[in-house]
Amino acid sequence: MSLDPRSESNGPAVRAFVDFVDAMHAWEMRNYLVIAPLLEKRKAVVKEMDDAQRELAGIFAQHLVPGSCDRRRMDSGGIGYPPTYDADRDVIKLEKAIPGEVTFRYAQTTRPKSKLRFTMKRTGNTWRVHSGEIFDARRSKWLPFVI
């Protein structure tokens, strides 16, 4: 069963995950609107990419377990359209919940229609993303996902 990401009755792990998805969505949309037009005009985007990476580092510091997750997006930028994350567009399902750990399935509804899985862990009084995985249909297995 799909979760309603905006439901008031969501628990803290769901709210923390949706907050992360919303922050990533806003980051992608904001930076795509700034950087894509410059790239189309073949203009340098060094300052804009630096600004985007600083903002992304702040999102990671707030929402990810320190030292966890594949963070190569910090090196590549990874800004595109449609955005990778969109809680209002995509399907989020609770896969597993044990004390201190919750795993969500995240299915994109636009191309490339990736199937993702995110594990949240409670650290102190907060929930943070511990890992992300993408399903490789060709090999029928979950692989690390670049957050």
C-alpha atoms as a PDB file:
ATOM      1  CA  MET A   1       0.000   0.000   0.000  1.00  0.00           C
ATOM      2  CA  SER A   2       1.294   3.423  -0.935  1.00  0.00           C
ATOM      3  CA  LEU A   3       1.928   6.034   1.699  1.00  0.00           C
ATOM      4  CA  ASP A   4       0.321   9.438   1.530  1.00  0.00           C
ATOM      5  CA  PRO A   5       3.480  11.531   1.938  1.00  0.00           C
ATOM      6  CA  ARG A   6       1.490  14.536   3.204  1.00  0.00           C
ATOM      7  CA  SER A   7      -0.617  12.708   5.789  1.00  0.00           C
ATOM      8  CA  GLU A   8      -0.640  14.283   9.237  1.00  0.00           C
ATOM      9  CA  SER A   9      -0.692  10.795  10.758  1.00  0.00           C
ATOM     10  CA  ASN A  10       2.712   9.777   9.377  1.00  0.00           C
ATOM     11  CA  GLY A  11       5.224   8.768  11.990  1.00  0.00           C
ATOM     12  CA  PRO A  12       8.608  10.444  12.462  1.00  0.00           C
ATOM     13  CA  ALA A  13      10.501   8.085  10.109  1.00  0.00           C
ATOM     14  CA  VAL A  14       8.060   8.754   7.256  1.00  0.00           C
ATOM     15  CA  ARG A  15       8.140  12.500   7.885  1.00  0.00           C
ATOM     16  CA  ALA A  16      11.949  12.480   7.951  1.00  0.00           C
ATOM     17  CA  PHE A  17      12.095  10.540   4.685  1.00  0.00           C
ATOM     18  CA  VAL A  18       9.581  12.832   2.968  1.00  0.00           C
ATOM     19  CA  ASP A  19      11.497  15.878   4.277  1.00  0.00           C
ATOM     20  CA  PHE A  20      14.651  14.451   2.651  1.00  0.00           C
ATOM     21  CA  VAL A  21      12.813  13.779  -0.639  1.00  0.00           C
ATOM     22  CA  ASP A  22      11.325  17.294  -0.580  1.00  0.00           C
ATOM     23  CA  ALA A  23      14.735  18.880   0.093  1.00  0.00           C
ATOM     24  CA  MET A  24      16.324  16.937  -2.777  1.00  0.00           C
ATOM     25  CA  HIS A  25      13.419  17.803  -5.098  1.00  0.00           C
ATOM     26  CA  ALA A  26      13.690  21.517  -4.303  1.00  0.00           C
ATOM     27  CA  TRP A  27      17.474  21.378  -4.767  1.00  0.00           C
ATOM     28  CA  GLU A  28      17.193  19.683  -8.170  1.00  0.00           C
ATOM     29  CA  MET A  29      14.450  22.005  -9.425  1.00  0.00           C
ATOM     30  CA  ARG A  30      16.126  25.200  -8.228  1.00  0.00           C
ATOM     31  CA  ASN A  31      19.538  24.309  -9.610  1.00  0.00           C
ATOM     32  CA  TYR A  32      18.222  22.880 -12.881  1.00  0.00           C
ATOM     33  CA  LEU A  33      16.437  26.174 -13.563  1.00  0.00           C
ATOM     34  CA  VAL A  34      19.704  28.062 -12.970  1.00  0.00           C
ATOM     35  CA  ILE A  35      22.261  25.747 -14.560  1.00  0.00           C
ATOM     36  CA  ALA A  36      20.472  24.239 -17.597  1.00  0.00           C
ATOM     37  CA  PRO A  37      19.937  27.564 -19.423  1.00  0.00           C
ATOM     38  CA  LEU A  38      23.603  28.461 -18.918  1.00  0.00           C
ATOM     39  CA  LEU A  39      24.743  25.097 -20.277  1.00  0.00           C
ATOM     40  CA  GLU A  40      22.468  25.485 -23.302  1.00  0.00           C
ATOM     41  CA  LYS A  41      24.207  28.785 -24.054  1.00  0.00           C
ATOM     42  CA  ARG A  42      27.578  27.053 -23.511  1.00  0.00           C
ATOM     43  CA  LYS A  43      28.418  29.349 -20.608  1.00  0.00           C
ATOM     44  CA  ALA A  44      30.653  28.425 -17.700  1.00  0.00           C
ATOM     45  CA  VAL A  45      28.762  27.236 -14.635  1.00  0.00           C
ATOM     46  CA  VAL A  46      31.603  26.860 -12.130  1.00  0.00           C
ATOM     47  CA  LYS A  47      30.147  29.275  -9.560  1.00  0.00           C
ATOM     48  CA  GLU A  48      26.627  27.880  -9.943  1.00  0.00           C
ATOM     49  CA  MET A  49      27.853  24.283  -9.558  1.00  0.00           C
ATOM     50  CA  ASP A  50      29.893  25.269  -6.501  1.00  0.00           C
ATOM     51  CA  ASP A  51      26.795  26.900  -4.998  1.00  0.00           C
ATOM     52  CA  ALA A  52      24.698  23.790  -5.789  1.00  0.00           C
ATOM     53  CA  GLN A  53      27.292  21.508  -4.188  1.00  0.00           C
ATOM     54  CA  ARG A  54      27.410  23.645  -1.035  1.00  0.00           C
ATOM     55  CA  GLU A  55      23.637  23.493  -0.782  1.00  0.00           C
ATOM     56  CA  LEU A  56      23.689  19.711  -1.380  1.00  0.00           C
ATOM     57  CA  ALA A  57      26.303  19.279   1.356  1.00  0.00           C
ATOM     58  CA  GLY A  58      23.895  21.021   3.753  1.00  0.00           C
ATOM     59  CA  ILE A  59      21.045  18.690   2.757  1.00  0.00           C
ATOM     60  CA  PHE A  60      23.299  15.660   3.255  1.00  0.00           C
ATOM     61  CA  ALA A  61      24.474  16.960   6.653  1.00  0.00           C
ATOM     62  CA  GLN A  62      20.878  17.368   7.789  1.00  0.00           C
ATOM     63  CA  HIS A  63      19.312  14.206   6.330  1.00  0.00           C
ATOM     64  CA  LEU A  64      21.968  11.479   5.965  1.00  0.00           C
ATOM     65  CA  VAL A  65      23.682   9.340   8.579  1.00  0.00           C
ATOM     66  CA  PRO A  66      27.275  10.670   8.692  1.00  0.00           C
ATOM     67  CA  GLY A  67      29.598   8.496   6.610  1.00  0.00           C
ATOM     68  CA  SER A  68      26.779   6.513   5.013  1.00  0.00           C
ATOM     69  CA  CYS A  69      25.302   6.458   1.502  1.00  0.00           C
ATOM     70  CA  ASP A  70      26.891   6.811  -1.905  1.00  0.00           C
ATOM     71  CA  ARG A  71      27.493  10.561  -2.149  1.00  0.00           C
ATOM     72  CA  ARG A  72      29.004  10.793  -5.639  1.00  0.00           C
ATOM     73  CA  ARG A  73      26.297  13.291  -6.561  1.00  0.00           C
ATOM     74  CA  MET A  74      28.527  15.779  -4.737  1.00  0.00           C
ATOM     75  CA  ASP A  75      31.123  15.231  -7.486  1.00  0.00           C
ATOM     76  CA  SER A  76      28.840  15.051 -10.509  1.00  0.00           C
ATOM     77  CA  GLY A  77      26.113  17.536  -9.721  1.00  0.00           C
ATOM     78  CA  GLY A  78      23.419  15.114 -10.851  1.00  0.00           C
ATOM     79  CA  ILE A  79      20.926  17.840 -11.693  1.00  0.00           C
ATOM     80  CA  GLY A  80      18.426  16.879 -14.360  1.00  0.00           C
ATOM     81  CA  TYR A  81      14.854  17.007 -15.437  1.00  0.00           C
ATOM     82  CA  PRO A  82      12.568  15.444 -14.501  1.00  0.00           C
ATOM     83  CA  PRO A  83      13.996  15.487 -10.992  1.00  0.00           C
ATOM     84  CA  THR A  84      15.052  12.230  -9.376  1.00  0.00           C
ATOM     85  CA  TYR A  85      12.922  12.878  -6.308  1.00  0.00           C
ATOM     86  CA  ASP A  86       9.284  13.987  -6.117  1.00  0.00           C
ATOM     87  CA  ALA A  87       7.162  12.716  -3.217  1.00  0.00           C
ATOM     88  CA  ASP A  88       3.968  14.037  -4.805  1.00  0.00           C
ATOM     89  CA  ARG A  89       4.624  12.339  -8.153  1.00  0.00           C
ATOM     90  CA  ASP A  90       6.213   9.041  -7.172  1.00  0.00           C
ATOM     91  CA  VAL A  91       5.038   6.043  -5.151  1.00  0.00           C
ATOM     92  CA  ILE A  92       6.421   5.478  -1.650  1.00  0.00           C
ATOM     93  CA  LYS A  93       5.712   2.236   0.181  1.00  0.00           C
ATOM     94  CA  LEU A  94       6.770   0.982   3.568  1.00  0.00           C
ATOM     95  CA  GLU A  95       8.764  -2.220   3.028  1.00  0.00           C
ATOM     96  CA  LYS A  96      10.100  -3.073   6.465  1.00  0.00           C
ATOM     97  CA  ALA A  97      10.039  -1.584   9.949  1.00  0.00           C
ATOM     98  CA  ILE A  98      12.010  -2.824  12.928  1.00  0.00           C
ATOM     99  CA  PRO A  99      12.964  -0.832  16.021  1.00  0.00           C
ATOM    100  CA  GLY A 100      15.371   1.902  14.949  1.00  0.00           C
ATOM    101  CA  GLU A 101      15.228   1.070  11.219  1.00  0.00           C
ATOM    102  CA  VAL A 102      12.664   1.586   8.456  1.00  0.00           C
ATOM    103  CA  THR A 103      12.981   0.711   4.766  1.00  0.00           C
ATOM    104  CA  PHE A 104      10.942   2.397   2.036  1.00  0.00           C
ATOM    105  CA  ARG A 105      10.395   1.385  -1.572  1.00  0.00           C
ATOM    106  CA  TYR A 106      10.395   4.379  -3.870  1.00  0.00           C
ATOM    107  CA  ALA A 107       9.104   3.939  -7.438  1.00  0.00           C
ATOM    108  CA  GLN A 108       9.570   6.737  -9.940  1.00  0.00           C
ATOM    109  CA  THR A 109       6.544   7.310 -12.161  1.00  0.00           C
ATOM    110  CA  THR A 110       8.429   9.131 -14.931  1.00  0.00           C
ATOM    111  CA  ARG A 111      11.352   7.939 -17.015  1.00  0.00           C
ATOM    112  CA  PRO A 112      13.587   6.203 -16.135  1.00  0.00           C
ATOM    113  CA  LYS A 113      10.977   4.671 -13.768  1.00  0.00           C
ATOM    114  CA  SER A 114      13.661   3.457 -11.411  1.00  0.00           C
ATOM    115  CA  LYS A 115      12.804   1.315  -8.424  1.00  0.00           C
ATOM    116  CA  LEU A 116      14.666   2.580  -5.392  1.00  0.00           C
ATOM    117  CA  ARG A 117      14.929   1.475  -1.798  1.00  0.00           C
ATOM    118  CA  PHE A 118      15.953   3.675   1.116  1.00  0.00           C
ATOM    119  CA  THR A 119      16.780   2.597   4.646  1.00  0.00           C
ATOM    120  CA  MET A 120      16.320   5.106   7.443  1.00  0.00           C
ATOM    121  CA  LYS A 121      17.953   4.679  10.838  1.00  0.00           C
ATOM    122  CA  ARG A 122      17.193   6.432  14.074  1.00  0.00           C
ATOM    123  CA  THR A 123      20.203   8.325  15.372  1.00  0.00           C
ATOM    124  CA  GLY A 124      19.422   9.787  18.770  1.00  0.00           C
ATOM    125  CA  ASN A 125      16.016  11.438  18.438  1.00  0.00           C
ATOM    126  CA  THR A 126      16.133  11.869  14.659  1.00  0.00           C
ATOM    127  CA  TRP A 127      15.665   9.651  11.627  1.00  0.00           C
ATOM    128  CA  ARG A 128      18.210   9.842   8.816  1.00  0.00           C
ATOM    129  CA  VAL A 129      18.822   8.127   5.496  1.00  0.00           C
ATOM    130  CA  HIS A 130      21.356   5.340   6.011  1.00  0.00           C
ATOM    131  CA  SER A 131      21.440   3.845   2.516  1.00  0.00           C
ATOM    132  CA  GLY A 132      19.912   4.002  -0.917  1.00  0.00           C
ATOM    133  CA  GLU A 133      19.692   1.229  -3.472  1.00  0.00           C
ATOM    134  CA  ILE A 134      18.478   0.918  -7.052  1.00  0.00           C
ATOM    135  CA  PHE A 135      17.029  -2.249  -8.521  1.00  0.00           C
ATOM    136  CA  ASP A 136      18.932  -3.597 -11.522  1.00  0.00           C
ATOM    137  CA  ALA A 137      16.298  -5.568 -13.444  1.00  0.00           C
ATOM    138  CA  ARG A 138      18.861  -7.121 -15.783  1.00  0.00           C
ATOM    139  CA  ARG A 139      20.697  -8.730 -12.874  1.00  0.00           C
ATOM    140  CA  SER A 140      17.645  -8.980 -10.571  1.00  0.00           C
ATOM    141  CA  LYS A 141      19.479  -7.431  -7.646  1.00  0.00           C
ATOM    142  CA  TRP A 142      19.718  -4.280  -5.571  1.00  0.00           C
ATOM    143  CA  LEU A 143      22.812  -2.102  -6.092  1.00  0.00           C
ATOM    144  CA  PRO A 144      24.050   0.987  -4.220  1.00  0.00           C
ATOM    145  CA  PHE A 145      22.290   4.145  -5.407  1.00  0.00           C
ATOM    146  CA  VAL A 146      23.963   7.542  -5.758  1.00  0.00           C
ATOM    147  CA  ILE A 147      21.859   9.599  -3.359  1.00  0.00           C
END
